[in-house]
Amino acid sequence: MKPAEYRGMSEEQLGLALKDELKHLFHLRFQSATDRLETPSEIRKAKREVARIKTIQRERELKAGKAAKAKETRANG
């Protein structure tokens, strides 16, 4: 998936996508350990997908923090 597609998802959907991707990565690593992995590049692709999802989650977390801080300073100031 592209980052724009992940950005269009809700928090719940992102969490589920992350969970699915981590499960996929686990299975790929297991196949790699048992010498049954056909394409080793799949592990790298799965890691990148996990990183994309976590990055978008962190961006949202920081954005929410900034919004809360701005709201707090307006209320106090």
N, C-alpha and C. Protein backbone atom coordinates (compact mmCIF):
# COMPACT_ATOMS: atom_id res chain seq x y z
N MET A 1 0.82 -1.19 0.00
CA MET A 1 0.00 0.00 0.00
C MET A 1 0.86 1.25 0.00
N LYS A 2 0.29 2.30 -0.49
CA LYS A 2 0.99 3.58 -0.51
C LYS A 2 0.67 4.35 0.77
N PRO A 3 1.57 5.23 1.18
CA PRO A 3 1.33 6.02 2.40
C PRO A 3 0.01 6.80 2.35
N ALA A 4 -0.37 7.29 1.19
CA ALA A 4 -1.63 8.04 1.08
C ALA A 4 -2.83 7.15 1.44
N GLU A 5 -2.75 5.89 1.08
CA GLU A 5 -3.84 4.96 1.41
C GLU A 5 -3.90 4.73 2.91
N TYR A 6 -2.74 4.63 3.56
CA TYR A 6 -2.72 4.46 5.01
C TYR A 6 -3.24 5.71 5.71
N ARG A 7 -2.91 6.87 5.17
CA ARG A 7 -3.36 8.12 5.79
C ARG A 7 -4.88 8.26 5.73
N GLY A 8 -5.51 7.63 4.78
CA GLY A 8 -6.96 7.67 4.65
C GLY A 8 -7.68 6.74 5.62
N MET A 9 -6.93 5.92 6.32
CA MET A 9 -7.53 4.95 7.24
C MET A 9 -7.75 5.57 8.62
N SER A 10 -8.68 4.97 9.35
CA SER A 10 -8.90 5.39 10.73
C SER A 10 -7.84 4.76 11.63
N GLU A 11 -7.82 5.16 12.89
CA GLU A 11 -6.84 4.61 13.84
C GLU A 11 -7.03 3.10 14.00
N GLU A 12 -8.28 2.67 14.06
CA GLU A 12 -8.56 1.23 14.22
C GLU A 12 -8.07 0.45 13.01
N GLN A 13 -8.34 0.98 11.83
CA GLN A 13 -7.91 0.30 10.61
C GLN A 13 -6.39 0.24 10.52
N LEU A 14 -5.73 1.32 10.93
CA LEU A 14 -4.26 1.31 10.93
C LEU A 14 -3.73 0.26 11.89
N GLY A 15 -4.34 0.18 13.06
CA GLY A 15 -3.92 -0.82 14.04
C GLY A 15 -4.07 -2.24 13.51
N LEU A 16 -5.19 -2.48 12.84
CA LEU A 16 -5.41 -3.81 12.26
C LEU A 16 -4.43 -4.10 11.13
N ALA A 17 -4.15 -3.09 10.32
CA ALA A 17 -3.19 -3.26 9.23
C ALA A 17 -1.80 -3.56 9.80
N LEU A 18 -1.43 -2.87 10.88
CA LEU A 18 -0.14 -3.13 11.52
C LEU A 18 -0.09 -4.54 12.08
N LYS A 19 -1.16 -4.96 12.71
CA LYS A 19 -1.20 -6.31 13.28
C LYS A 19 -1.07 -7.36 12.18
N ASP A 20 -1.77 -7.17 11.09
CA ASP A 20 -1.69 -8.11 9.97
C ASP A 20 -0.29 -8.14 9.36
N GLU A 21 0.31 -6.97 9.22
CA GLU A 21 1.63 -6.91 8.61
C GLU A 21 2.68 -7.55 9.52
N LEU A 22 2.54 -7.36 10.83
CA LEU A 22 3.47 -8.00 11.77
C LEU A 22 3.32 -9.52 11.74
N LYS A 23 2.09 -9.99 11.61
CA LYS A 23 1.84 -11.42 11.50
C LYS A 23 2.47 -11.97 10.22
N HIS A 24 2.33 -11.22 9.13
CA HIS A 24 2.92 -11.62 7.85
C HIS A 24 4.44 -11.68 7.96
N LEU A 25 5.02 -10.68 8.61
CA LEU A 25 6.47 -10.64 8.80
C LEU A 25 6.94 -11.83 9.63
N PHE A 26 6.19 -12.18 10.66
CA PHE A 26 6.53 -13.34 11.48
C PHE A 26 6.56 -14.61 10.63
N HIS A 27 5.54 -14.78 9.80
CA HIS A 27 5.48 -15.98 8.96
C HIS A 27 6.64 -16.01 7.95
N LEU A 28 6.98 -14.84 7.42
CA LEU A 28 8.11 -14.79 6.49
C LEU A 28 9.41 -15.17 7.18
N ARG A 29 9.60 -14.66 8.39
CA ARG A 29 10.82 -15.00 9.14
C ARG A 29 10.86 -16.49 9.47
N PHE A 30 9.71 -17.04 9.79
CA PHE A 30 9.64 -18.47 10.10
C PHE A 30 10.00 -19.29 8.86
N GLN A 31 9.45 -18.89 7.72
CA GLN A 31 9.79 -19.59 6.47
C GLN A 31 11.27 -19.45 6.15
N SER A 32 11.82 -18.29 6.42
CA SER A 32 13.24 -18.07 6.16
C SER A 32 14.10 -18.98 7.03
N ALA A 33 13.69 -19.17 8.27
CA ALA A 33 14.46 -20.02 9.19
C ALA A 33 14.39 -21.48 8.78
N THR A 34 13.30 -21.87 8.16
CA THR A 34 13.15 -23.26 7.74
C THR A 34 13.53 -23.48 6.28
N ASP A 35 14.17 -22.47 5.67
CA ASP A 35 14.66 -22.56 4.29
C ASP A 35 13.55 -22.80 3.27
N ARG A 36 12.37 -22.23 3.51
CA ARG A 36 11.28 -22.40 2.56
C ARG A 36 10.87 -21.07 1.91
N LEU A 37 11.61 -20.01 2.18
CA LEU A 37 11.25 -18.70 1.66
C LEU A 37 11.71 -18.58 0.20
N GLU A 38 10.76 -18.32 -0.70
CA GLU A 38 11.09 -18.25 -2.12
C GLU A 38 11.73 -16.91 -2.49
N THR A 39 11.20 -15.82 -1.93
CA THR A 39 11.73 -14.50 -2.27
C THR A 39 12.17 -13.78 -1.00
N PRO A 40 13.46 -13.72 -0.74
CA PRO A 40 13.96 -13.07 0.47
C PRO A 40 13.61 -11.58 0.56
N SER A 41 13.36 -10.96 -0.57
CA SER A 41 13.03 -9.53 -0.56
C SER A 41 11.68 -9.26 0.10
N GLU A 42 10.86 -10.28 0.25
CA GLU A 42 9.56 -10.11 0.90
C GLU A 42 9.71 -9.66 2.35
N ILE A 43 10.75 -10.11 3.02
CA ILE A 43 10.98 -9.70 4.41
C ILE A 43 11.24 -8.20 4.45
N ARG A 44 12.07 -7.71 3.57
CA ARG A 44 12.38 -6.28 3.51
C ARG A 44 11.11 -5.47 3.21
N LYS A 45 10.30 -5.95 2.30
CA LYS A 45 9.06 -5.25 1.95
C LYS A 45 8.11 -5.20 3.14
N ALA A 46 8.01 -6.29 3.88
CA ALA A 46 7.13 -6.33 5.05
C ALA A 46 7.63 -5.38 6.13
N LYS A 47 8.94 -5.32 6.32
CA LYS A 47 9.50 -4.39 7.32
C LYS A 47 9.20 -2.94 6.95
N ARG A 48 9.28 -2.64 5.68
CA ARG A 48 8.99 -1.28 5.22
C ARG A 48 7.52 -0.93 5.44
N GLU A 49 6.63 -1.89 5.21
CA GLU A 49 5.21 -1.63 5.44
C GLU A 49 4.94 -1.35 6.91
N VAL A 50 5.58 -2.13 7.79
CA VAL A 50 5.44 -1.91 9.24
C VAL A 50 5.94 -0.51 9.58
N ALA A 51 7.07 -0.13 9.03
CA ALA A 51 7.63 1.19 9.30
C ALA A 51 6.71 2.30 8.80
N ARG A 52 6.11 2.11 7.63
CA ARG A 52 5.18 3.11 7.09
C ARG A 52 4.00 3.32 8.03
N ILE A 53 3.44 2.22 8.48
CA ILE A 53 2.26 2.30 9.35
C ILE A 53 2.63 2.98 10.67
N LYS A 54 3.75 2.57 11.26
CA LYS A 54 4.16 3.16 12.53
C LYS A 54 4.48 4.65 12.38
N THR A 55 5.05 5.03 11.25
CA THR A 55 5.35 6.44 11.01
C THR A 55 4.07 7.26 10.95
N ILE A 56 3.07 6.76 10.27
CA ILE A 56 1.81 7.49 10.16
C ILE A 56 1.12 7.57 11.52
N GLN A 57 1.19 6.50 12.30
CA GLN A 57 0.62 6.54 13.65
C GLN A 57 1.33 7.58 14.50
N ARG A 58 2.64 7.67 14.39
CA ARG A 58 3.42 8.64 15.16
C ARG A 58 3.11 10.06 14.70
N GLU A 59 2.97 10.28 13.40
CA GLU A 59 2.60 11.59 12.88
C GLU A 59 1.28 12.05 13.48
N ARG A 60 0.31 11.15 13.52
CA ARG A 60 -1.00 11.49 14.08
C ARG A 60 -0.90 11.79 15.58
N GLU A 61 -0.08 11.02 16.26
CA GLU A 61 0.11 11.23 17.69
C GLU A 61 0.71 12.61 17.96
N LEU A 62 1.72 12.98 17.19
CA LEU A 62 2.36 14.29 17.36
C LEU A 62 1.40 15.42 16.99
N LYS A 63 0.62 15.23 15.95
CA LYS A 63 -0.35 16.24 15.53
C LYS A 63 -1.40 16.45 16.61
N ALA A 64 -1.86 15.37 17.22
CA ALA A 64 -2.85 15.47 18.29
C ALA A 64 -2.25 16.17 19.51
N GLY A 65 -0.99 15.90 19.79
CA GLY A 65 -0.30 16.55 20.90
C GLY A 65 -0.17 18.04 20.68
N LYS A 66 0.17 18.44 19.46
CA LYS A 66 0.29 19.86 19.14
C LYS A 66 -1.06 20.56 19.26
N ALA A 67 -2.12 19.89 18.78
CA ALA A 67 -3.45 20.47 18.84
C ALA A 67 -3.88 20.65 20.30
N ALA A 68 -3.60 19.68 21.13
CA ALA A 68 -3.97 19.76 22.54
C ALA A 68 -3.18 20.86 23.24
N LYS A 69 -1.91 20.99 22.90
CA LYS A 69 -1.08 22.03 23.50
C LYS A 69 -1.55 23.42 23.09
N ALA A 70 -1.89 23.58 21.81
CA ALA A 70 -2.40 24.85 21.32
C ALA A 70 -3.71 25.21 21.98
N LYS A 71 -4.56 24.24 22.16
CA LYS A 71 -5.86 24.47 22.81
C LYS A 71 -5.66 24.87 24.27
N GLU A 72 -4.69 24.24 24.92
CA GLU A 72 -4.39 24.54 26.32
C GLU A 72 -3.86 25.97 26.48
N THR A 73 -2.99 26.38 25.57
CA THR A 73 -2.42 27.74 25.68
C THR A 73 -3.48 28.79 25.37
N ARG A 74 -4.42 28.49 24.47
CA ARG A 74 -5.51 29.44 24.21
C ARG A 74 -6.42 29.58 25.41
N ALA A 75 -6.64 28.48 26.11
CA ALA A 75 -7.53 28.52 27.29
C ALA A 75 -6.85 29.25 28.44
N ASN A 76 -5.56 29.11 28.58
CA ASN A 76 -4.83 29.73 29.70
C ASN A 76 -4.41 31.16 29.38
N GLY A 77 -4.22 31.48 28.12
CA GLY A 77 -3.65 32.77 27.74
C GLY A 77 -4.66 33.73 27.34
